[in-house]
Amino acid sequence: MLAIGIPLYVCATGSVPIAASLVAAGMPTGAALVFLMAGPATNIATIGAVLKTFGKKVTAIYIAVIIVGSFSLGLLFNTLFPTGGGHHLQHAHGGFLPEWLEIAAVLLMFVGMAHFALQTLIRKDKQRPPSSPSAKDGAVLIPLNNLQRPPSKSSGCGDSADA
């Protein structure tokens, strides 16, 4: 997985579903752990930032620590948890509750959602003033009769106030 994880441009969020699908396909979980650690830590953007900020020596040490550390932890993980690959992910969904109870729970959820949506609409309708022309489009009118003009300054571009 080091050979795939190091050159592959993958972020931490994007590497999780890739590793999960590889484990589900039969890859050992330790190898997926190596990919999860080495992939995001050694993508081109990260290496470029470390190289520019710290120089070649620190970048070489950084890459070596990532390679040795991720490979060692992957081997340790496979030694401590020898599960094969992905067999623990195969399971059946459903069958925990009777079907009538599942349907009743779904219906109760939809009734609750509809109730709260209607309450929100009713509450918003009560807050709008009925005579306001902005009640239709949701815009807010601000009365402009209380605004004062700032004192005019001459810009020097031929204003009539300069003459």
N, C-alpha and C. Protein backbone atom coordinates (compact mmCIF):
# COMPACT_ATOMS: atom_id res chain seq x y z
N MET A 1 0.81 -1.19 0.00
CA MET A 1 0.00 0.00 0.00
C MET A 1 0.86 1.26 0.00
N LEU A 2 2.11 1.13 0.41
CA LEU A 2 2.99 2.29 0.34
C LEU A 2 3.18 2.73 -1.11
N ALA A 3 3.31 1.75 -2.01
CA ALA A 3 3.52 2.07 -3.42
C ALA A 3 2.33 2.80 -4.02
N ILE A 4 1.13 2.57 -3.48
CA ILE A 4 -0.06 3.26 -3.97
C ILE A 4 -0.29 4.56 -3.20
N GLY A 5 -0.10 4.52 -1.90
CA GLY A 5 -0.42 5.65 -1.05
C GLY A 5 0.50 6.84 -1.20
N ILE A 6 1.77 6.61 -1.45
CA ILE A 6 2.72 7.73 -1.51
C ILE A 6 2.53 8.58 -2.76
N PRO A 7 2.50 8.02 -3.96
CA PRO A 7 2.36 8.90 -5.12
C PRO A 7 0.92 9.38 -5.37
N LEU A 8 -0.06 8.71 -4.78
CA LEU A 8 -1.46 9.06 -5.04
C LEU A 8 -1.83 10.35 -4.32
N TYR A 9 -2.44 11.27 -5.04
CA TYR A 9 -2.87 12.52 -4.43
C TYR A 9 -4.24 12.26 -3.79
N VAL A 10 -4.24 12.04 -2.48
CA VAL A 10 -5.49 11.75 -1.78
C VAL A 10 -5.45 12.48 -0.43
N CYS A 11 -6.60 13.05 -0.06
CA CYS A 11 -6.68 13.72 1.24
C CYS A 11 -7.18 12.72 2.28
N ALA A 12 -7.18 13.13 3.53
CA ALA A 12 -7.59 12.23 4.61
C ALA A 12 -9.04 11.82 4.47
N THR A 13 -9.89 12.73 4.05
CA THR A 13 -11.32 12.41 3.89
C THR A 13 -11.54 11.46 2.72
N GLY A 14 -10.83 11.66 1.64
CA GLY A 14 -11.00 10.81 0.47
C GLY A 14 -10.38 9.44 0.61
N SER A 15 -9.42 9.28 1.50
CA SER A 15 -8.76 7.99 1.63
C SER A 15 -9.59 6.99 2.43
N VAL A 16 -10.50 7.46 3.26
CA VAL A 16 -11.29 6.53 4.09
C VAL A 16 -12.18 5.62 3.26
N PRO A 17 -13.00 6.14 2.32
CA PRO A 17 -13.81 5.21 1.53
C PRO A 17 -12.99 4.30 0.63
N ILE A 18 -11.84 4.79 0.16
CA ILE A 18 -10.97 3.93 -0.66
C ILE A 18 -10.46 2.77 0.18
N ALA A 19 -9.99 3.06 1.39
CA ALA A 19 -9.48 2.00 2.27
C ALA A 19 -10.59 1.04 2.68
N ALA A 20 -11.76 1.56 2.96
CA ALA A 20 -12.89 0.69 3.35
C ALA A 20 -13.27 -0.26 2.22
N SER A 21 -13.28 0.23 0.98
CA SER A 21 -13.63 -0.65 -0.13
C SER A 21 -12.54 -1.68 -0.39
N LEU A 22 -11.27 -1.31 -0.17
CA LEU A 22 -10.19 -2.28 -0.34
C LEU A 22 -10.25 -3.36 0.73
N VAL A 23 -10.58 -2.99 1.97
CA VAL A 23 -10.73 -3.99 3.04
C VAL A 23 -11.92 -4.89 2.74
N ALA A 24 -13.01 -4.31 2.26
CA ALA A 24 -14.19 -5.12 1.91
C ALA A 24 -13.89 -6.08 0.77
N ALA A 25 -12.93 -5.73 -0.09
CA ALA A 25 -12.55 -6.61 -1.19
C ALA A 25 -11.56 -7.68 -0.78
N GLY A 26 -11.08 -7.63 0.48
CA GLY A 26 -10.21 -8.70 0.95
C GLY A 26 -8.83 -8.27 1.38
N MET A 27 -8.50 -7.00 1.28
CA MET A 27 -7.18 -6.54 1.70
C MET A 27 -7.06 -6.60 3.21
N PRO A 28 -5.91 -6.96 3.74
CA PRO A 28 -5.72 -6.95 5.20
C PRO A 28 -5.89 -5.54 5.76
N THR A 29 -6.44 -5.47 6.95
CA THR A 29 -6.72 -4.17 7.55
C THR A 29 -5.44 -3.40 7.87
N GLY A 30 -4.36 -4.07 8.15
CA GLY A 30 -3.09 -3.39 8.39
C GLY A 30 -2.60 -2.66 7.15
N ALA A 31 -2.79 -3.26 5.98
CA ALA A 31 -2.39 -2.61 4.73
C ALA A 31 -3.26 -1.37 4.49
N ALA A 32 -4.54 -1.47 4.81
CA ALA A 32 -5.41 -0.30 4.69
C ALA A 32 -4.98 0.80 5.66
N LEU A 33 -4.53 0.41 6.84
CA LEU A 33 -4.03 1.39 7.81
C LEU A 33 -2.79 2.09 7.27
N VAL A 34 -1.92 1.36 6.60
CA VAL A 34 -0.74 1.96 5.98
C VAL A 34 -1.18 2.99 4.94
N PHE A 35 -2.16 2.64 4.14
CA PHE A 35 -2.67 3.57 3.12
C PHE A 35 -3.29 4.80 3.77
N LEU A 36 -4.04 4.61 4.85
CA LEU A 36 -4.68 5.74 5.53
C LEU A 36 -3.65 6.70 6.14
N MET A 37 -2.53 6.17 6.61
CA MET A 37 -1.51 7.03 7.20
C MET A 37 -0.58 7.63 6.16
N ALA A 38 -0.14 6.83 5.20
CA ALA A 38 0.88 7.28 4.25
C ALA A 38 0.29 8.12 3.12
N GLY A 39 -0.91 7.82 2.69
CA GLY A 39 -1.50 8.53 1.55
C GLY A 39 -1.64 10.02 1.78
N PRO A 40 -2.43 10.45 2.77
CA PRO A 40 -2.59 11.88 2.98
C PRO A 40 -1.32 12.59 3.44
N ALA A 41 -0.46 11.90 4.16
CA ALA A 41 0.74 12.54 4.70
C ALA A 41 1.81 12.73 3.63
N THR A 42 1.73 12.00 2.53
CA THR A 42 2.79 12.08 1.53
C THR A 42 2.27 12.47 0.16
N ASN A 43 1.13 13.14 0.08
CA ASN A 43 0.70 13.58 -1.25
C ASN A 43 1.59 14.73 -1.72
N ILE A 44 1.52 15.04 -2.98
CA ILE A 44 2.43 16.00 -3.60
C ILE A 44 2.33 17.38 -2.95
N ALA A 45 1.12 17.80 -2.61
CA ALA A 45 0.94 19.12 -2.00
C ALA A 45 1.61 19.19 -0.64
N THR A 46 1.47 18.15 0.16
CA THR A 46 2.08 18.14 1.49
C THR A 46 3.60 18.11 1.38
N ILE A 47 4.11 17.25 0.52
CA ILE A 47 5.56 17.17 0.36
C ILE A 47 6.11 18.50 -0.17
N GLY A 48 5.40 19.12 -1.09
CA GLY A 48 5.84 20.42 -1.61
C GLY A 48 5.87 21.49 -0.53
N ALA A 49 4.86 21.49 0.33
CA ALA A 49 4.83 22.48 1.41
C ALA A 49 5.96 22.24 2.41
N VAL A 50 6.20 20.97 2.76
CA VAL A 50 7.29 20.66 3.70
C VAL A 50 8.64 21.00 3.07
N LEU A 51 8.81 20.69 1.79
CA LEU A 51 10.06 20.99 1.09
C LEU A 51 10.32 22.50 1.04
N LYS A 52 9.32 23.27 0.71
CA LYS A 52 9.49 24.71 0.60
C LYS A 52 9.73 25.35 1.97
N THR A 53 9.06 24.84 3.00
CA THR A 53 9.16 25.44 4.32
C THR A 53 10.43 25.02 5.05
N PHE A 54 10.78 23.72 4.98
CA PHE A 54 11.86 23.20 5.82
C PHE A 54 13.10 22.75 5.07
N GLY A 55 13.03 22.57 3.78
CA GLY A 55 14.21 22.16 3.02
C GLY A 55 14.25 20.67 2.72
N LYS A 56 15.30 20.26 1.97
CA LYS A 56 15.41 18.88 1.50
C LYS A 56 15.68 17.88 2.62
N LYS A 57 16.52 18.23 3.56
CA LYS A 57 16.89 17.29 4.63
C LYS A 57 15.67 16.94 5.49
N VAL A 58 14.93 17.94 5.91
CA VAL A 58 13.75 17.69 6.74
C VAL A 58 12.68 16.94 5.95
N THR A 59 12.55 17.25 4.66
CA THR A 59 11.57 16.54 3.83
C THR A 59 11.93 15.06 3.70
N ALA A 60 13.21 14.76 3.53
CA ALA A 60 13.64 13.36 3.45
C ALA A 60 13.37 12.63 4.76
N ILE A 61 13.65 13.29 5.88
CA ILE A 61 13.36 12.68 7.19
C ILE A 61 11.86 12.49 7.36
N TYR A 62 11.07 13.47 6.95
CA TYR A 62 9.61 13.39 7.04
C TYR A 62 9.07 12.19 6.27
N ILE A 63 9.52 12.03 5.03
CA ILE A 63 9.06 10.90 4.21
C ILE A 63 9.52 9.58 4.79
N ALA A 64 10.76 9.52 5.29
CA ALA A 64 11.25 8.27 5.89
C ALA A 64 10.45 7.90 7.13
N VAL A 65 10.15 8.86 7.97
CA VAL A 65 9.36 8.58 9.19
C VAL A 65 7.96 8.10 8.82
N ILE A 66 7.36 8.72 7.82
CA ILE A 66 6.02 8.29 7.38
C ILE A 66 6.07 6.85 6.86
N ILE A 67 7.06 6.54 6.04
CA ILE A 67 7.16 5.19 5.47
C ILE A 67 7.40 4.15 6.56
N VAL A 68 8.42 4.37 7.38
CA VAL A 68 8.76 3.39 8.42
C VAL A 68 7.64 3.29 9.46
N GLY A 69 7.11 4.44 9.87
CA GLY A 69 6.06 4.44 10.89
C GLY A 69 4.77 3.78 10.43
N SER A 70 4.31 4.12 9.25
CA SER A 70 3.06 3.54 8.78
C SER A 70 3.21 2.05 8.50
N PHE A 71 4.35 1.64 7.92
CA PHE A 71 4.57 0.22 7.64
C PHE A 71 4.67 -0.58 8.95
N SER A 72 5.36 -0.03 9.93
CA SER A 72 5.51 -0.73 11.22
C SER A 72 4.17 -0.85 11.94
N LEU A 73 3.39 0.23 11.95
CA LEU A 73 2.09 0.17 12.61
C LEU A 73 1.12 -0.75 11.86
N GLY A 74 1.23 -0.81 10.54
CA GLY A 74 0.40 -1.74 9.77
C GLY A 74 0.72 -3.19 10.11
N LEU A 75 2.03 -3.52 10.20
CA LEU A 75 2.43 -4.87 10.60
C LEU A 75 1.98 -5.20 12.02
N LEU A 76 2.13 -4.24 12.93
CA LEU A 76 1.69 -4.44 14.31
C LEU A 76 0.19 -4.66 14.38
N PHE A 77 -0.55 -3.89 13.61
CA PHE A 77 -2.01 -4.04 13.60
C PHE A 77 -2.41 -5.41 13.09
N ASN A 78 -1.77 -5.88 12.00
CA ASN A 78 -2.08 -7.21 11.48
C ASN A 78 -1.68 -8.32 12.46
N THR A 79 -0.62 -8.09 13.23
CA THR A 79 -0.19 -9.09 14.21
C THR A 79 -1.17 -9.16 15.38
N LEU A 80 -1.61 -8.01 15.85
CA LEU A 80 -2.52 -7.97 17.00
C LEU A 80 -3.95 -8.36 16.64
N PHE A 81 -4.37 -8.04 15.44
CA PHE A 81 -5.74 -8.31 15.00
C PHE A 81 -5.74 -9.07 13.68
N PRO A 82 -5.41 -10.37 13.71
CA PRO A 82 -5.35 -11.14 12.46
C PRO A 82 -6.75 -11.56 11.99
N THR A 83 -7.46 -10.65 11.33
CA THR A 83 -8.84 -10.92 10.95
C THR A 83 -8.99 -11.36 9.52
N GLY A 84 -7.94 -11.44 8.77
CA GLY A 84 -8.11 -11.70 7.35
C GLY A 84 -8.38 -10.39 6.66
N GLY A 85 -9.36 -10.35 5.83
CA GLY A 85 -9.67 -9.10 5.16
C GLY A 85 -11.13 -8.94 4.84
N GLY A 86 -11.79 -8.11 5.55
CA GLY A 86 -13.15 -7.73 5.23
C GLY A 86 -14.24 -8.69 5.61
N HIS A 87 -13.92 -9.82 6.23
CA HIS A 87 -14.97 -10.79 6.58
C HIS A 87 -15.87 -10.25 7.68
N HIS A 88 -15.33 -9.41 8.52
CA HIS A 88 -16.15 -8.85 9.59
C HIS A 88 -17.12 -7.80 9.08
N LEU A 89 -16.95 -7.35 7.83
CA LEU A 89 -17.84 -6.34 7.28
C LEU A 89 -19.09 -6.94 6.65
N GLN A 90 -19.11 -8.25 6.45
CA GLN A 90 -20.26 -8.88 5.83
C GLN A 90 -21.31 -9.18 6.89
N HIS A 91 -22.44 -8.51 6.78
CA HIS A 91 -23.53 -8.70 7.72
C HIS A 91 -24.85 -8.38 7.04
N ALA A 92 -25.92 -8.82 7.65
CA ALA A 92 -27.25 -8.58 7.10
C ALA A 92 -27.90 -7.42 7.82
N HIS A 93 -28.65 -6.65 7.07
CA HIS A 93 -29.39 -5.54 7.65
C HIS A 93 -30.82 -5.97 7.89
N GLY A 94 -31.45 -5.39 8.89
CA GLY A 94 -32.85 -5.64 9.15
C GLY A 94 -33.05 -6.90 9.99
N GLY A 95 -34.30 -7.18 10.25
CA GLY A 95 -34.66 -8.37 11.01
C GLY A 95 -34.60 -8.17 12.52
N PHE A 96 -34.27 -6.98 12.98
CA PHE A 96 -34.18 -6.74 14.41
C PHE A 96 -35.55 -6.47 15.02
N LEU A 97 -36.41 -5.80 14.26
CA LEU A 97 -37.74 -5.43 14.73
C LEU A 97 -38.78 -6.06 13.81
N PRO A 98 -39.98 -6.27 14.32
CA PRO A 98 -41.05 -6.74 13.42
C PRO A 98 -41.34 -5.69 12.35
N GLU A 99 -41.78 -6.14 11.20
CA GLU A 99 -41.99 -5.22 10.09
C GLU A 99 -43.04 -4.16 10.40
N TRP A 100 -44.09 -4.52 11.12
CA TRP A 100 -45.13 -3.55 11.44
C TRP A 100 -44.58 -2.41 12.31
N LEU A 101 -43.62 -2.74 13.19
CA LEU A 101 -43.02 -1.72 14.05
C LEU A 101 -42.10 -0.79 13.26
N GLU A 102 -41.37 -1.34 12.29
CA GLU A 102 -40.53 -0.50 11.44
C GLU A 102 -41.38 0.47 10.64
N ILE A 103 -42.50 -0.01 10.07
CA ILE A 103 -43.40 0.86 9.30
C ILE A 103 -44.02 1.93 10.19
N ALA A 104 -44.43 1.54 11.38
CA ALA A 104 -45.01 2.51 12.32
C ALA A 104 -44.00 3.57 12.71
N ALA A 105 -42.76 3.19 12.90
CA ALA A 105 -41.73 4.16 13.26
C ALA A 105 -41.48 5.14 12.12
N VAL A 106 -41.46 4.65 10.89
CA VAL A 106 -41.27 5.54 9.74
C VAL A 106 -42.44 6.50 9.61
N LEU A 107 -43.67 6.00 9.76
CA LEU A 107 -44.84 6.87 9.69
C LEU A 107 -44.83 7.92 10.80
N LEU A 108 -44.45 7.52 12.00
CA LEU A 108 -44.36 8.46 13.11
C LEU A 108 -43.32 9.55 12.83
N MET A 109 -42.21 9.15 12.23
CA MET A 109 -41.19 10.13 11.88
C MET A 109 -41.72 11.13 10.87
N PHE A 110 -42.42 10.67 9.83
CA PHE A 110 -42.96 11.58 8.83
C PHE A 110 -44.03 12.50 9.41
N VAL A 111 -44.87 11.99 10.30
CA VAL A 111 -45.88 12.83 10.95
C VAL A 111 -45.19 13.91 11.78
N GLY A 112 -44.15 13.55 12.50
CA GLY A 112 -43.41 14.53 13.29
C GLY A 112 -42.76 15.59 12.42
N MET A 113 -42.17 15.18 11.31
CA MET A 113 -41.55 16.14 10.39
C MET A 113 -42.58 17.08 9.81
N ALA A 114 -43.73 16.55 9.40
CA ALA A 114 -44.79 17.40 8.84
C ALA A 114 -45.30 18.37 9.89
N HIS A 115 -45.48 17.90 11.12
CA HIS A 115 -45.96 18.76 12.21
C HIS A 115 -45.01 19.94 12.43
N PHE A 116 -43.72 19.67 12.53
CA PHE A 116 -42.77 20.75 12.78
C PHE A 116 -42.63 21.68 11.58
N ALA A 117 -42.75 21.15 10.37
CA ALA A 117 -42.70 22.01 9.19
C ALA A 117 -43.90 22.94 9.15
N LEU A 118 -45.09 22.42 9.45
CA LEU A 118 -46.29 23.27 9.48
C LEU A 118 -46.21 24.30 10.59
N GLN A 119 -45.71 23.92 11.75
CA GLN A 119 -45.56 24.89 12.85
C GLN A 119 -44.62 26.02 12.45
N THR A 120 -43.56 25.70 11.75
CA THR A 120 -42.61 26.72 11.31
C THR A 120 -43.26 27.66 10.31
N LEU A 121 -44.03 27.12 9.37
CA LEU A 121 -44.71 27.97 8.39
C LEU A 121 -45.75 28.85 9.06
N ILE A 122 -46.51 28.32 9.99
CA ILE A 122 -47.53 29.10 10.69
C ILE A 122 -46.87 30.21 11.51
N ARG A 123 -45.78 29.91 12.17
CA ARG A 123 -45.08 30.90 12.98
C ARG A 123 -44.54 32.03 12.11
N LYS A 124 -43.98 31.69 10.96
CA LYS A 124 -43.46 32.72 10.06
C LYS A 124 -44.58 33.58 9.51
N ASP A 125 -45.74 32.97 9.22
CA ASP A 125 -46.87 33.72 8.68
C ASP A 125 -47.41 34.70 9.71
N LYS A 126 -47.39 34.36 10.98
CA LYS A 126 -47.88 35.25 12.03
C LYS A 126 -46.93 36.41 12.26
N GLN A 127 -45.66 36.26 11.97
CA GLN A 127 -44.68 37.31 12.22
C GLN A 127 -44.70 38.38 11.14
N ARG A 128 -45.21 38.10 9.95
CA ARG A 128 -45.24 39.08 8.87
C ARG A 128 -46.42 40.02 9.05
N PRO A 129 -46.19 41.31 8.87
CA PRO A 129 -47.32 42.23 8.91
C PRO A 129 -48.17 42.05 7.65
N PRO A 130 -49.50 41.93 7.78
CA PRO A 130 -50.34 41.63 6.61
C PRO A 130 -50.42 42.77 5.62
N SER A 131 -50.24 44.04 6.03
CA SER A 131 -50.38 45.16 5.11
C SER A 131 -49.08 45.50 4.40
N SER A 132 -48.00 44.87 4.78
CA SER A 132 -46.71 45.19 4.21
C SER A 132 -46.59 44.63 2.81
N PRO A 133 -46.14 45.44 1.85
CA PRO A 133 -45.95 44.90 0.50
C PRO A 133 -44.80 43.90 0.43
N SER A 134 -43.94 43.88 1.46
CA SER A 134 -42.81 42.95 1.44
C SER A 134 -43.20 41.57 1.92
N ALA A 135 -44.43 41.39 2.35
CA ALA A 135 -44.85 40.08 2.84
C ALA A 135 -44.88 39.05 1.73
N LYS A 136 -44.99 39.51 0.47
CA LYS A 136 -45.07 38.58 -0.65
C LYS A 136 -43.70 37.99 -0.98
N ASP A 137 -42.69 38.86 -1.07
CA ASP A 137 -41.41 38.39 -1.57
C ASP A 137 -40.34 38.23 -0.49
N GLY A 138 -40.67 38.52 0.75
CA GLY A 138 -39.72 38.34 1.83
C GLY A 138 -38.71 39.46 1.98
N ALA A 139 -38.81 40.53 1.15
CA ALA A 139 -37.88 41.64 1.26
C ALA A 139 -38.27 42.51 2.46
N VAL A 140 -37.33 43.24 2.96
CA VAL A 140 -37.56 44.12 4.10
C VAL A 140 -37.44 45.55 3.62
N LEU A 141 -38.46 46.36 3.91
CA LEU A 141 -38.42 47.77 3.53
C LEU A 141 -37.86 48.58 4.68
N ILE A 142 -36.96 49.50 4.37
CA ILE A 142 -36.38 50.38 5.37
C ILE A 142 -36.84 51.79 5.05
N PRO A 143 -37.48 52.49 5.99
CA PRO A 143 -37.92 53.86 5.70
C PRO A 143 -36.71 54.77 5.51
N LEU A 144 -36.72 55.56 4.43
CA LEU A 144 -35.59 56.39 4.09
C LEU A 144 -35.77 57.84 4.55
N ASN A 145 -36.91 58.19 5.15
CA ASN A 145 -37.14 59.57 5.52
C ASN A 145 -36.32 60.00 6.73
N ASN A 146 -35.74 59.12 7.47
CA ASN A 146 -34.95 59.48 8.65
C ASN A 146 -33.45 59.56 8.36
N LEU A 147 -33.06 59.27 7.13
CA LEU A 147 -31.64 59.30 6.79
C LEU A 147 -31.17 60.73 6.56
N GLN A 148 -29.98 61.04 6.96
CA GLN A 148 -29.40 62.35 6.73
C GLN A 148 -28.27 62.22 5.71
N ARG A 149 -28.14 63.24 4.90
CA ARG A 149 -27.08 63.23 3.91
C ARG A 149 -25.77 63.61 4.58
N PRO A 150 -24.68 62.94 4.20
CA PRO A 150 -23.38 63.33 4.75
C PRO A 150 -22.97 64.68 4.16
N PRO A 151 -22.14 65.41 4.87
CA PRO A 151 -21.69 66.70 4.31
C PRO A 151 -20.93 66.47 3.02
N SER A 152 -21.23 67.29 2.02
CA SER A 152 -20.60 67.09 0.71
C SER A 152 -19.19 67.65 0.74
N LYS A 153 -18.29 66.92 0.13
CA LYS A 153 -16.90 67.34 0.03
C LYS A 153 -16.59 67.58 -1.44
N SER A 154 -15.82 68.54 -1.69
CA SER A 154 -15.46 68.86 -3.06
C SER A 154 -14.43 67.86 -3.56
N SER A 155 -14.72 67.31 -4.71
CA SER A 155 -13.77 66.35 -5.28
C SER A 155 -12.76 67.03 -6.18
N GLY A 156 -12.98 68.30 -6.52
CA GLY A 156 -12.03 69.00 -7.38
C GLY A 156 -12.18 68.66 -8.84
N CYS A 157 -13.28 68.08 -9.23
CA CYS A 157 -13.47 67.65 -10.61
C CYS A 157 -14.52 68.52 -11.29
N GLY A 158 -14.56 69.80 -11.00
CA GLY A 158 -15.49 70.69 -11.69
C GLY A 158 -16.87 70.68 -11.07
N ASP A 159 -17.00 70.39 -9.74
CA ASP A 159 -18.32 70.42 -9.12
C ASP A 159 -18.84 71.84 -9.12
N SER A 160 -20.13 71.98 -9.20
CA SER A 160 -20.75 73.30 -9.18
C SER A 160 -20.64 73.93 -7.81
N ALA A 161 -20.39 73.15 -6.76
CA ALA A 161 -20.27 73.69 -5.42
C ALA A 161 -18.95 74.44 -5.26
N ASP A 162 -17.94 74.15 -6.12
CA ASP A 162 -16.65 74.82 -6.01
C ASP A 162 -16.70 76.24 -6.53
N ALA A 163 -17.59 76.53 -7.43
CA ALA A 163 -17.62 77.83 -8.09
C ALA A 163 -18.10 78.95 -7.22
